[in-house]
N, C-alpha and C. Protein backbone atom coordinates (compact mmCIF):
# COMPACT_ATOMS: atom_id res chain seq x y z
N UNK A 1 -108.59 -90.84 -73.13
CA UNK A 1 -107.36 -90.12 -72.83
C UNK A 1 -107.13 -89.06 -73.91
N UNK A 2 -106.78 -87.87 -73.49
CA UNK A 2 -106.56 -86.80 -74.44
C UNK A 2 -105.27 -87.01 -75.20
N UNK A 3 -105.26 -86.57 -76.43
CA UNK A 3 -104.02 -86.68 -77.21
C UNK A 3 -102.88 -85.92 -76.53
N UNK A 4 -101.68 -86.42 -76.73
CA UNK A 4 -100.52 -85.82 -76.09
C UNK A 4 -99.96 -84.65 -76.86
N UNK A 5 -100.44 -84.44 -78.09
CA UNK A 5 -99.89 -83.32 -78.84
C UNK A 5 -101.00 -82.44 -79.42
N UNK A 6 -100.63 -81.18 -79.63
CA UNK A 6 -101.51 -80.21 -80.27
C UNK A 6 -100.82 -79.73 -81.53
N UNK A 7 -101.60 -79.37 -82.52
CA UNK A 7 -101.05 -78.95 -83.81
C UNK A 7 -101.72 -77.67 -84.28
N UNK A 8 -100.91 -76.70 -84.66
CA UNK A 8 -101.39 -75.50 -85.34
C UNK A 8 -100.68 -75.47 -86.69
N UNK A 9 -101.35 -75.98 -87.74
CA UNK A 9 -100.70 -76.01 -89.05
C UNK A 9 -100.57 -74.60 -89.64
N UNK A 10 -99.76 -74.50 -90.69
CA UNK A 10 -99.55 -73.20 -91.33
C UNK A 10 -100.86 -72.62 -91.86
N UNK A 11 -101.67 -73.45 -92.49
CA UNK A 11 -102.98 -73.01 -92.94
C UNK A 11 -103.94 -73.11 -91.76
N UNK A 12 -104.74 -72.10 -91.56
CA UNK A 12 -105.66 -72.08 -90.43
C UNK A 12 -106.64 -73.25 -90.54
N UNK A 13 -106.75 -74.02 -89.46
CA UNK A 13 -107.57 -75.23 -89.45
C UNK A 13 -108.78 -75.04 -88.54
N UNK A 14 -109.60 -74.06 -88.88
CA UNK A 14 -110.81 -73.76 -88.11
C UNK A 14 -112.00 -73.72 -89.06
N UNK A 15 -113.18 -73.86 -88.49
CA UNK A 15 -114.41 -73.69 -89.27
C UNK A 15 -114.74 -72.20 -89.28
N UNK A 16 -114.56 -71.57 -90.42
CA UNK A 16 -114.68 -70.11 -90.48
C UNK A 16 -116.11 -69.61 -90.32
N UNK A 17 -117.11 -70.47 -90.55
CA UNK A 17 -118.49 -70.03 -90.37
C UNK A 17 -118.92 -70.09 -88.90
N UNK A 18 -118.04 -70.64 -88.05
CA UNK A 18 -118.30 -70.68 -86.61
C UNK A 18 -117.54 -69.56 -85.92
N UNK A 19 -117.94 -69.25 -84.71
CA UNK A 19 -117.18 -68.30 -83.90
C UNK A 19 -115.97 -69.00 -83.31
N UNK A 20 -115.05 -68.23 -82.74
CA UNK A 20 -113.90 -68.84 -82.07
C UNK A 20 -114.37 -69.73 -80.92
N UNK A 21 -115.32 -69.26 -80.14
CA UNK A 21 -115.83 -70.04 -79.01
C UNK A 21 -116.46 -71.35 -79.51
N UNK A 22 -117.23 -71.28 -80.58
CA UNK A 22 -117.85 -72.49 -81.13
C UNK A 22 -116.80 -73.47 -81.64
N UNK A 23 -115.77 -72.96 -82.29
CA UNK A 23 -114.67 -73.82 -82.74
C UNK A 23 -114.01 -74.51 -81.55
N UNK A 24 -113.70 -73.75 -80.52
CA UNK A 24 -113.03 -74.32 -79.36
C UNK A 24 -113.92 -75.33 -78.63
N UNK A 25 -115.20 -75.05 -78.56
CA UNK A 25 -116.13 -76.00 -77.93
C UNK A 25 -116.14 -77.31 -78.74
N UNK A 26 -116.20 -77.20 -80.06
CA UNK A 26 -116.19 -78.38 -80.93
C UNK A 26 -114.91 -79.19 -80.74
N UNK A 27 -113.76 -78.52 -80.86
CA UNK A 27 -112.49 -79.23 -80.74
C UNK A 27 -112.29 -79.76 -79.32
N UNK A 28 -112.71 -79.00 -78.33
CA UNK A 28 -112.61 -79.47 -76.95
C UNK A 28 -113.37 -80.76 -76.72
N UNK A 29 -114.55 -80.85 -77.28
CA UNK A 29 -115.33 -82.09 -77.16
C UNK A 29 -114.63 -83.25 -77.85
N UNK A 30 -114.01 -82.99 -78.99
CA UNK A 30 -113.24 -84.05 -79.66
C UNK A 30 -112.12 -84.57 -78.76
N UNK A 31 -111.55 -83.68 -77.95
CA UNK A 31 -110.49 -84.07 -77.02
C UNK A 31 -111.03 -84.67 -75.72
N UNK A 32 -112.36 -84.73 -75.59
CA UNK A 32 -112.95 -85.32 -74.40
C UNK A 32 -113.22 -84.34 -73.27
N UNK A 33 -113.06 -83.06 -73.54
CA UNK A 33 -113.35 -82.05 -72.52
C UNK A 33 -114.85 -81.77 -72.49
N UNK A 34 -115.39 -81.56 -71.31
CA UNK A 34 -116.82 -81.27 -71.17
C UNK A 34 -117.06 -80.31 -70.01
N UNK A 35 -118.27 -79.81 -69.94
CA UNK A 35 -118.74 -79.04 -68.79
C UNK A 35 -117.88 -77.86 -68.40
N UNK A 36 -117.71 -77.72 -67.08
CA UNK A 36 -116.98 -76.59 -66.52
C UNK A 36 -115.52 -76.59 -66.97
N UNK A 37 -114.92 -77.76 -67.06
CA UNK A 37 -113.52 -77.86 -67.51
C UNK A 37 -113.37 -77.28 -68.90
N UNK A 38 -114.27 -77.67 -69.79
CA UNK A 38 -114.22 -77.16 -71.17
C UNK A 38 -114.42 -75.65 -71.19
N UNK A 39 -115.41 -75.15 -70.47
CA UNK A 39 -115.68 -73.71 -70.44
C UNK A 39 -114.48 -72.92 -69.91
N UNK A 40 -113.86 -73.43 -68.86
CA UNK A 40 -112.69 -72.75 -68.28
C UNK A 40 -111.51 -72.76 -69.25
N UNK A 41 -111.28 -73.89 -69.93
CA UNK A 41 -110.19 -73.97 -70.89
C UNK A 41 -110.42 -73.03 -72.07
N UNK A 42 -111.67 -72.96 -72.54
CA UNK A 42 -112.00 -72.05 -73.64
C UNK A 42 -111.70 -70.61 -73.23
N UNK A 43 -112.17 -70.21 -72.06
CA UNK A 43 -111.94 -68.84 -71.58
C UNK A 43 -110.44 -68.55 -71.43
N UNK A 44 -109.71 -69.51 -70.86
CA UNK A 44 -108.27 -69.34 -70.67
C UNK A 44 -107.57 -69.16 -72.02
N UNK A 45 -107.87 -70.03 -72.97
CA UNK A 45 -107.19 -70.00 -74.27
C UNK A 45 -107.53 -68.73 -75.04
N UNK A 46 -108.78 -68.31 -74.99
CA UNK A 46 -109.18 -67.08 -75.68
C UNK A 46 -108.48 -65.87 -75.06
N UNK A 47 -108.35 -65.87 -73.75
CA UNK A 47 -107.63 -64.79 -73.07
C UNK A 47 -106.16 -64.82 -73.45
N UNK A 48 -105.57 -66.01 -73.44
CA UNK A 48 -104.15 -66.15 -73.75
C UNK A 48 -103.81 -65.61 -75.13
N UNK A 49 -104.70 -65.81 -76.10
CA UNK A 49 -104.41 -65.35 -77.47
C UNK A 49 -105.05 -64.00 -77.78
N UNK A 50 -105.61 -63.36 -76.77
CA UNK A 50 -106.15 -62.01 -76.95
C UNK A 50 -107.42 -61.93 -77.76
N UNK A 51 -108.27 -62.95 -77.66
CA UNK A 51 -109.50 -62.95 -78.46
C UNK A 51 -110.78 -63.01 -77.60
N UNK A 52 -110.67 -62.75 -76.32
CA UNK A 52 -111.86 -62.81 -75.46
C UNK A 52 -112.96 -61.89 -75.96
N UNK A 53 -112.60 -60.70 -76.39
CA UNK A 53 -113.60 -59.73 -76.83
C UNK A 53 -114.19 -60.06 -78.20
N UNK A 54 -113.58 -60.98 -78.95
CA UNK A 54 -114.08 -61.38 -80.27
C UNK A 54 -114.49 -62.86 -80.28
N UNK A 55 -114.64 -63.45 -79.11
CA UNK A 55 -114.92 -64.89 -79.00
C UNK A 55 -116.20 -65.30 -79.70
N UNK A 56 -117.17 -64.42 -79.75
CA UNK A 56 -118.47 -64.77 -80.32
C UNK A 56 -118.70 -64.16 -81.70
N UNK A 57 -117.61 -63.84 -82.36
CA UNK A 57 -117.63 -63.33 -83.73
C UNK A 57 -117.15 -64.43 -84.66
N UNK A 58 -117.78 -64.55 -85.81
CA UNK A 58 -117.39 -65.60 -86.76
C UNK A 58 -115.93 -65.42 -87.20
N UNK A 59 -115.24 -66.53 -87.28
CA UNK A 59 -113.83 -66.54 -87.65
C UNK A 59 -113.62 -65.95 -89.05
N UNK A 60 -114.59 -66.11 -89.94
CA UNK A 60 -114.44 -65.59 -91.31
C UNK A 60 -114.27 -64.07 -91.35
N UNK A 61 -114.66 -63.39 -90.29
CA UNK A 61 -114.52 -61.93 -90.24
C UNK A 61 -113.19 -61.49 -89.63
N UNK A 62 -112.43 -62.43 -89.13
CA UNK A 62 -111.17 -62.13 -88.45
C UNK A 62 -110.09 -61.71 -89.45
N UNK A 63 -109.15 -60.91 -88.97
CA UNK A 63 -107.93 -60.62 -89.74
C UNK A 63 -107.07 -61.88 -89.76
N UNK A 64 -106.03 -61.87 -90.57
CA UNK A 64 -105.12 -63.01 -90.63
C UNK A 64 -104.49 -63.32 -89.28
N UNK A 65 -104.08 -62.28 -88.58
CA UNK A 65 -103.47 -62.47 -87.26
C UNK A 65 -104.44 -63.05 -86.25
N UNK A 66 -105.67 -62.60 -86.30
CA UNK A 66 -106.68 -63.13 -85.38
C UNK A 66 -106.96 -64.60 -85.67
N UNK A 67 -106.99 -64.97 -86.94
CA UNK A 67 -107.19 -66.38 -87.31
C UNK A 67 -106.05 -67.24 -86.79
N UNK A 68 -104.83 -66.75 -86.93
CA UNK A 68 -103.67 -67.51 -86.45
C UNK A 68 -103.71 -67.66 -84.93
N UNK A 69 -104.14 -66.60 -84.24
CA UNK A 69 -104.25 -66.68 -82.78
C UNK A 69 -105.34 -67.66 -82.37
N UNK A 70 -106.46 -67.67 -83.08
CA UNK A 70 -107.53 -68.63 -82.79
C UNK A 70 -107.05 -70.06 -83.07
N UNK A 71 -106.27 -70.23 -84.12
CA UNK A 71 -105.68 -71.53 -84.46
C UNK A 71 -104.81 -72.04 -83.31
N UNK A 72 -104.02 -71.14 -82.74
CA UNK A 72 -103.18 -71.51 -81.60
C UNK A 72 -104.05 -71.90 -80.41
N UNK A 73 -105.12 -71.15 -80.16
CA UNK A 73 -106.01 -71.48 -79.04
C UNK A 73 -106.55 -72.90 -79.18
N UNK A 74 -106.92 -73.29 -80.39
CA UNK A 74 -107.43 -74.64 -80.62
C UNK A 74 -106.34 -75.68 -80.36
N UNK A 75 -105.11 -75.35 -80.68
CA UNK A 75 -104.00 -76.31 -80.52
C UNK A 75 -103.63 -76.54 -79.06
N UNK A 76 -103.85 -75.54 -78.20
CA UNK A 76 -103.44 -75.67 -76.79
C UNK A 76 -104.62 -75.96 -75.86
N UNK A 77 -105.80 -76.01 -76.40
CA UNK A 77 -107.03 -76.16 -75.61
C UNK A 77 -106.95 -77.33 -74.63
N UNK A 78 -106.45 -78.46 -75.05
CA UNK A 78 -106.42 -79.68 -74.25
C UNK A 78 -105.12 -79.87 -73.47
N UNK A 79 -104.32 -78.81 -73.38
CA UNK A 79 -103.06 -78.82 -72.63
C UNK A 79 -102.13 -79.95 -73.08
N UNK A 80 -101.73 -79.93 -74.35
CA UNK A 80 -100.87 -81.01 -74.85
C UNK A 80 -99.47 -80.94 -74.23
N UNK A 81 -98.82 -82.08 -74.19
CA UNK A 81 -97.42 -82.10 -73.75
C UNK A 81 -96.49 -81.57 -74.84
N UNK A 82 -96.87 -81.87 -76.10
CA UNK A 82 -96.08 -81.43 -77.25
C UNK A 82 -96.95 -80.58 -78.15
N UNK A 83 -96.52 -79.38 -78.41
CA UNK A 83 -97.22 -78.45 -79.29
C UNK A 83 -96.40 -78.30 -80.57
N UNK A 84 -97.01 -78.65 -81.70
CA UNK A 84 -96.35 -78.55 -83.00
C UNK A 84 -96.90 -77.34 -83.73
N UNK A 85 -96.02 -76.40 -84.05
CA UNK A 85 -96.42 -75.15 -84.71
C UNK A 85 -95.68 -75.01 -86.03
N UNK A 86 -96.43 -74.83 -87.10
CA UNK A 86 -95.85 -74.65 -88.42
C UNK A 86 -96.05 -73.22 -88.88
N UNK A 87 -94.98 -72.46 -88.85
CA UNK A 87 -95.00 -71.06 -89.30
C UNK A 87 -96.15 -70.27 -88.66
N UNK A 88 -96.22 -70.23 -87.33
CA UNK A 88 -97.37 -69.60 -86.67
C UNK A 88 -97.46 -68.09 -86.81
N UNK A 89 -96.37 -67.42 -87.21
CA UNK A 89 -96.41 -65.96 -87.27
C UNK A 89 -96.37 -65.40 -88.68
N UNK A 90 -96.50 -66.26 -89.68
CA UNK A 90 -96.46 -65.78 -91.07
C UNK A 90 -97.65 -64.86 -91.32
N UNK A 91 -97.36 -63.68 -91.84
CA UNK A 91 -98.41 -62.76 -92.28
C UNK A 91 -99.19 -62.07 -91.18
N UNK A 92 -98.63 -62.02 -89.97
CA UNK A 92 -99.38 -61.32 -88.92
C UNK A 92 -98.66 -60.03 -88.52
N UNK A 93 -99.39 -59.15 -87.90
CA UNK A 93 -98.85 -57.84 -87.52
C UNK A 93 -97.87 -57.99 -86.36
N UNK A 94 -97.06 -56.97 -86.16
CA UNK A 94 -96.00 -56.99 -85.15
C UNK A 94 -96.55 -57.20 -83.74
N UNK A 95 -97.69 -56.61 -83.43
CA UNK A 95 -98.26 -56.75 -82.10
C UNK A 95 -98.72 -58.19 -81.85
N UNK A 96 -99.39 -58.79 -82.83
CA UNK A 96 -99.84 -60.19 -82.69
C UNK A 96 -98.63 -61.12 -82.58
N UNK A 97 -97.62 -60.86 -83.38
CA UNK A 97 -96.41 -61.67 -83.36
C UNK A 97 -95.75 -61.61 -81.99
N UNK A 98 -95.61 -60.42 -81.47
CA UNK A 98 -95.00 -60.23 -80.16
C UNK A 98 -95.79 -60.95 -79.07
N UNK A 99 -97.12 -60.80 -79.10
CA UNK A 99 -97.98 -61.44 -78.11
C UNK A 99 -97.90 -62.95 -78.20
N UNK A 100 -97.91 -63.48 -79.42
CA UNK A 100 -97.80 -64.94 -79.60
C UNK A 100 -96.48 -65.46 -79.05
N UNK A 101 -95.38 -64.79 -79.38
CA UNK A 101 -94.08 -65.25 -78.92
C UNK A 101 -93.97 -65.19 -77.40
N UNK A 102 -94.47 -64.15 -76.80
CA UNK A 102 -94.44 -64.05 -75.33
C UNK A 102 -95.26 -65.17 -74.70
N UNK A 103 -96.43 -65.44 -75.25
CA UNK A 103 -97.28 -66.49 -74.69
C UNK A 103 -96.69 -67.88 -74.94
N UNK A 104 -96.04 -68.08 -76.07
CA UNK A 104 -95.37 -69.35 -76.31
C UNK A 104 -94.22 -69.56 -75.33
N UNK A 105 -93.48 -68.50 -75.01
CA UNK A 105 -92.43 -68.61 -74.00
C UNK A 105 -93.03 -69.03 -72.67
N UNK A 106 -94.19 -68.45 -72.33
CA UNK A 106 -94.86 -68.82 -71.09
C UNK A 106 -95.27 -70.28 -71.07
N UNK A 107 -95.81 -70.78 -72.18
CA UNK A 107 -96.17 -72.20 -72.27
C UNK A 107 -94.93 -73.08 -72.16
N UNK A 108 -93.87 -72.69 -72.84
CA UNK A 108 -92.60 -73.43 -72.78
C UNK A 108 -92.09 -73.48 -71.34
N UNK A 109 -92.17 -72.34 -70.65
CA UNK A 109 -91.64 -72.26 -69.30
C UNK A 109 -92.46 -73.05 -68.29
N UNK A 110 -93.71 -73.41 -68.65
CA UNK A 110 -94.52 -74.25 -67.76
C UNK A 110 -94.31 -75.73 -68.06
N UNK A 111 -93.45 -76.06 -69.02
CA UNK A 111 -93.11 -77.45 -69.28
C UNK A 111 -93.64 -78.01 -70.58
N UNK A 112 -94.37 -77.23 -71.35
CA UNK A 112 -94.85 -77.73 -72.64
C UNK A 112 -93.69 -77.75 -73.63
N UNK A 113 -93.53 -78.86 -74.32
CA UNK A 113 -92.51 -78.95 -75.36
C UNK A 113 -93.11 -78.38 -76.65
N UNK A 114 -92.35 -77.52 -77.30
CA UNK A 114 -92.83 -76.87 -78.53
C UNK A 114 -91.89 -77.21 -79.67
N UNK A 115 -92.44 -77.79 -80.71
CA UNK A 115 -91.69 -78.01 -81.95
C UNK A 115 -92.14 -76.91 -82.90
N UNK A 116 -91.22 -76.06 -83.28
CA UNK A 116 -91.53 -74.80 -83.94
C UNK A 116 -90.82 -74.72 -85.28
N UNK A 117 -91.57 -74.72 -86.37
CA UNK A 117 -90.94 -74.53 -87.68
C UNK A 117 -91.13 -73.09 -88.11
N UNK A 118 -90.04 -72.49 -88.60
CA UNK A 118 -90.10 -71.09 -88.99
C UNK A 118 -88.97 -70.75 -89.95
N UNK A 119 -89.20 -69.72 -90.73
CA UNK A 119 -88.14 -69.13 -91.55
C UNK A 119 -87.58 -67.90 -90.85
N UNK A 120 -88.16 -67.52 -89.72
CA UNK A 120 -87.73 -66.33 -88.98
C UNK A 120 -86.77 -66.76 -87.87
N UNK A 121 -85.48 -66.68 -88.18
CA UNK A 121 -84.46 -67.17 -87.27
C UNK A 121 -84.46 -66.44 -85.93
N UNK A 122 -84.84 -65.16 -85.93
CA UNK A 122 -84.87 -64.43 -84.66
C UNK A 122 -85.92 -65.03 -83.72
N UNK A 123 -87.00 -65.57 -84.27
CA UNK A 123 -88.00 -66.24 -83.44
C UNK A 123 -87.43 -67.52 -82.85
N UNK A 124 -86.75 -68.31 -83.66
CA UNK A 124 -86.13 -69.54 -83.17
C UNK A 124 -85.08 -69.23 -82.10
N UNK A 125 -84.31 -68.19 -82.33
CA UNK A 125 -83.27 -67.80 -81.37
C UNK A 125 -83.89 -67.38 -80.05
N UNK A 126 -85.03 -66.71 -80.10
CA UNK A 126 -85.73 -66.24 -78.90
C UNK A 126 -86.41 -67.36 -78.13
N UNK A 127 -87.01 -68.28 -78.87
CA UNK A 127 -87.95 -69.23 -78.27
C UNK A 127 -87.36 -70.61 -78.01
N UNK A 128 -86.42 -71.05 -78.83
CA UNK A 128 -86.02 -72.46 -78.83
C UNK A 128 -84.77 -72.72 -78.01
N UNK A 129 -84.77 -73.83 -77.29
CA UNK A 129 -83.58 -74.25 -76.56
C UNK A 129 -82.67 -75.10 -77.43
N UNK A 130 -83.23 -75.75 -78.45
CA UNK A 130 -82.45 -76.50 -79.44
C UNK A 130 -83.00 -76.20 -80.81
N UNK A 131 -82.10 -76.20 -81.80
CA UNK A 131 -82.46 -75.84 -83.17
C UNK A 131 -81.87 -76.88 -84.12
N UNK A 132 -82.63 -77.18 -85.15
CA UNK A 132 -82.11 -77.98 -86.26
C UNK A 132 -82.23 -77.12 -87.51
N UNK A 133 -81.12 -76.92 -88.21
CA UNK A 133 -81.12 -76.18 -89.46
C UNK A 133 -81.35 -77.21 -90.57
N UNK A 134 -82.40 -76.98 -91.36
CA UNK A 134 -82.76 -77.90 -92.43
C UNK A 134 -82.56 -77.21 -93.76
N UNK A 135 -81.91 -77.92 -94.69
CA UNK A 135 -81.68 -77.40 -96.04
C UNK A 135 -81.96 -78.52 -97.03
N UNK A 136 -82.82 -78.26 -97.98
CA UNK A 136 -83.21 -79.25 -98.98
C UNK A 136 -83.69 -80.55 -98.33
N UNK A 137 -84.41 -80.40 -97.23
CA UNK A 137 -85.00 -81.56 -96.56
C UNK A 137 -84.06 -82.35 -95.67
N UNK A 138 -82.84 -81.88 -95.48
CA UNK A 138 -81.86 -82.59 -94.66
C UNK A 138 -81.42 -81.71 -93.50
N UNK A 139 -81.26 -82.31 -92.34
CA UNK A 139 -80.72 -81.58 -91.19
C UNK A 139 -79.23 -81.42 -91.40
N UNK A 140 -78.77 -80.16 -91.39
CA UNK A 140 -77.35 -79.92 -91.64
C UNK A 140 -76.61 -79.41 -90.40
N UNK A 141 -77.37 -79.03 -89.36
CA UNK A 141 -76.74 -78.60 -88.11
C UNK A 141 -77.79 -78.66 -87.00
N UNK A 142 -77.32 -79.00 -85.81
CA UNK A 142 -78.20 -78.98 -84.63
C UNK A 142 -77.42 -78.44 -83.45
N UNK A 143 -78.14 -77.93 -82.48
CA UNK A 143 -77.53 -77.44 -81.26
C UNK A 143 -78.35 -76.34 -80.64
N UNK A 144 -77.83 -75.79 -79.58
CA UNK A 144 -78.50 -74.63 -78.99
C UNK A 144 -78.23 -73.43 -79.89
N UNK A 145 -79.11 -72.45 -79.88
CA UNK A 145 -78.83 -71.27 -80.71
C UNK A 145 -77.46 -70.65 -80.39
N UNK A 146 -77.14 -70.52 -79.10
CA UNK A 146 -75.85 -69.92 -78.73
C UNK A 146 -74.67 -70.76 -79.21
N UNK A 147 -74.77 -72.07 -79.09
CA UNK A 147 -73.67 -72.94 -79.53
C UNK A 147 -73.47 -72.84 -81.03
N UNK A 148 -74.55 -72.84 -81.79
CA UNK A 148 -74.44 -72.72 -83.24
C UNK A 148 -73.80 -71.39 -83.63
N UNK A 149 -74.19 -70.33 -82.94
CA UNK A 149 -73.61 -69.01 -83.22
C UNK A 149 -72.12 -69.00 -82.87
N UNK A 150 -71.79 -69.54 -81.68
CA UNK A 150 -70.39 -69.54 -81.23
C UNK A 150 -69.48 -70.38 -82.12
N UNK A 151 -69.98 -71.48 -82.67
CA UNK A 151 -69.12 -72.37 -83.46
C UNK A 151 -69.05 -72.00 -84.93
N UNK A 152 -69.81 -70.98 -85.34
CA UNK A 152 -69.79 -70.59 -86.75
C UNK A 152 -69.08 -69.24 -86.86
N UNK A 153 -67.92 -69.26 -87.43
CA UNK A 153 -67.06 -68.07 -87.49
C UNK A 153 -67.75 -66.89 -88.15
N UNK A 154 -67.66 -65.73 -87.48
CA UNK A 154 -68.19 -64.50 -88.03
C UNK A 154 -69.69 -64.32 -87.86
N UNK A 155 -70.34 -65.21 -87.15
CA UNK A 155 -71.79 -65.13 -86.99
C UNK A 155 -72.16 -64.57 -85.62
N UNK A 156 -73.11 -63.66 -85.62
CA UNK A 156 -73.57 -63.07 -84.37
C UNK A 156 -75.04 -63.35 -84.09
N UNK A 157 -75.70 -64.04 -85.01
CA UNK A 157 -77.12 -64.37 -84.82
C UNK A 157 -77.41 -65.71 -85.49
N UNK A 158 -78.53 -66.29 -85.15
CA UNK A 158 -78.94 -67.55 -85.77
C UNK A 158 -79.21 -67.35 -87.26
N UNK A 159 -79.69 -66.18 -87.64
CA UNK A 159 -79.89 -65.90 -89.07
C UNK A 159 -78.56 -65.92 -89.81
N UNK A 160 -77.52 -65.33 -89.22
CA UNK A 160 -76.19 -65.39 -89.83
C UNK A 160 -75.75 -66.84 -90.01
N UNK A 161 -75.97 -67.66 -88.99
CA UNK A 161 -75.60 -69.08 -89.06
C UNK A 161 -76.35 -69.76 -90.20
N UNK A 162 -77.65 -69.53 -90.25
CA UNK A 162 -78.49 -70.16 -91.28
C UNK A 162 -77.99 -69.80 -92.68
N UNK A 163 -77.75 -68.53 -92.92
CA UNK A 163 -77.28 -68.10 -94.24
C UNK A 163 -75.87 -68.61 -94.54
N UNK A 164 -75.04 -68.66 -93.51
CA UNK A 164 -73.68 -69.21 -93.69
C UNK A 164 -73.76 -70.67 -94.11
N UNK A 165 -74.64 -71.44 -93.49
CA UNK A 165 -74.74 -72.88 -93.76
C UNK A 165 -75.49 -73.20 -95.05
N UNK A 166 -76.48 -72.39 -95.39
CA UNK A 166 -77.34 -72.73 -96.53
C UNK A 166 -77.06 -71.89 -97.76
N UNK A 167 -76.31 -70.82 -97.61
CA UNK A 167 -76.01 -69.94 -98.73
C UNK A 167 -77.05 -68.84 -98.86
N UNK A 168 -76.71 -67.89 -99.68
CA UNK A 168 -77.58 -66.72 -99.86
C UNK A 168 -78.30 -66.71 -101.19
N UNK A 169 -78.17 -67.80 -101.95
CA UNK A 169 -78.83 -67.86 -103.25
C UNK A 169 -80.35 -67.94 -103.04
N UNK A 170 -81.07 -67.31 -103.95
CA UNK A 170 -82.53 -67.35 -103.87
C UNK A 170 -83.04 -68.76 -104.05
N UNK A 171 -84.13 -69.07 -103.35
CA UNK A 171 -84.77 -70.39 -103.45
C UNK A 171 -86.16 -70.20 -104.02
N UNK A 172 -86.47 -70.87 -105.08
CA UNK A 172 -87.81 -70.78 -105.65
C UNK A 172 -88.56 -72.07 -105.45
């Protein structure tokens, strides 16, 4: 039975001396995928993350954004029910970020549950149906993005809410 969750950690978890296709074939086999099913899933995931044309290029030659996109492809390869993403857009270009967010919305809309950790509140506001604001390791507020905004005086965005709740002091 395939695992019920997929994970794309903040640090890219791929074999950089392999190509994206080789990585996906390896991880797909670990999930029990084989044959035509595996090949179709690899092609689908590479297309979804915009790497079809670079599928047979070693990951070590990829830009940071391409590595993050390949990381996502590995996480969704086996069609998990729960996708856990840790800072998936850190350090990537605007085009890659936009494409990732649009594709994540598509996965969400097909019924995949996504647990998304980010420091970019506009991403959480765009993508998430429920949000937990965490400060110093503790959950200090939960709700829908709109409800959190509506119940926090003077706030017009989730970022405003976050700063209102956690303060504006620098964190080292």
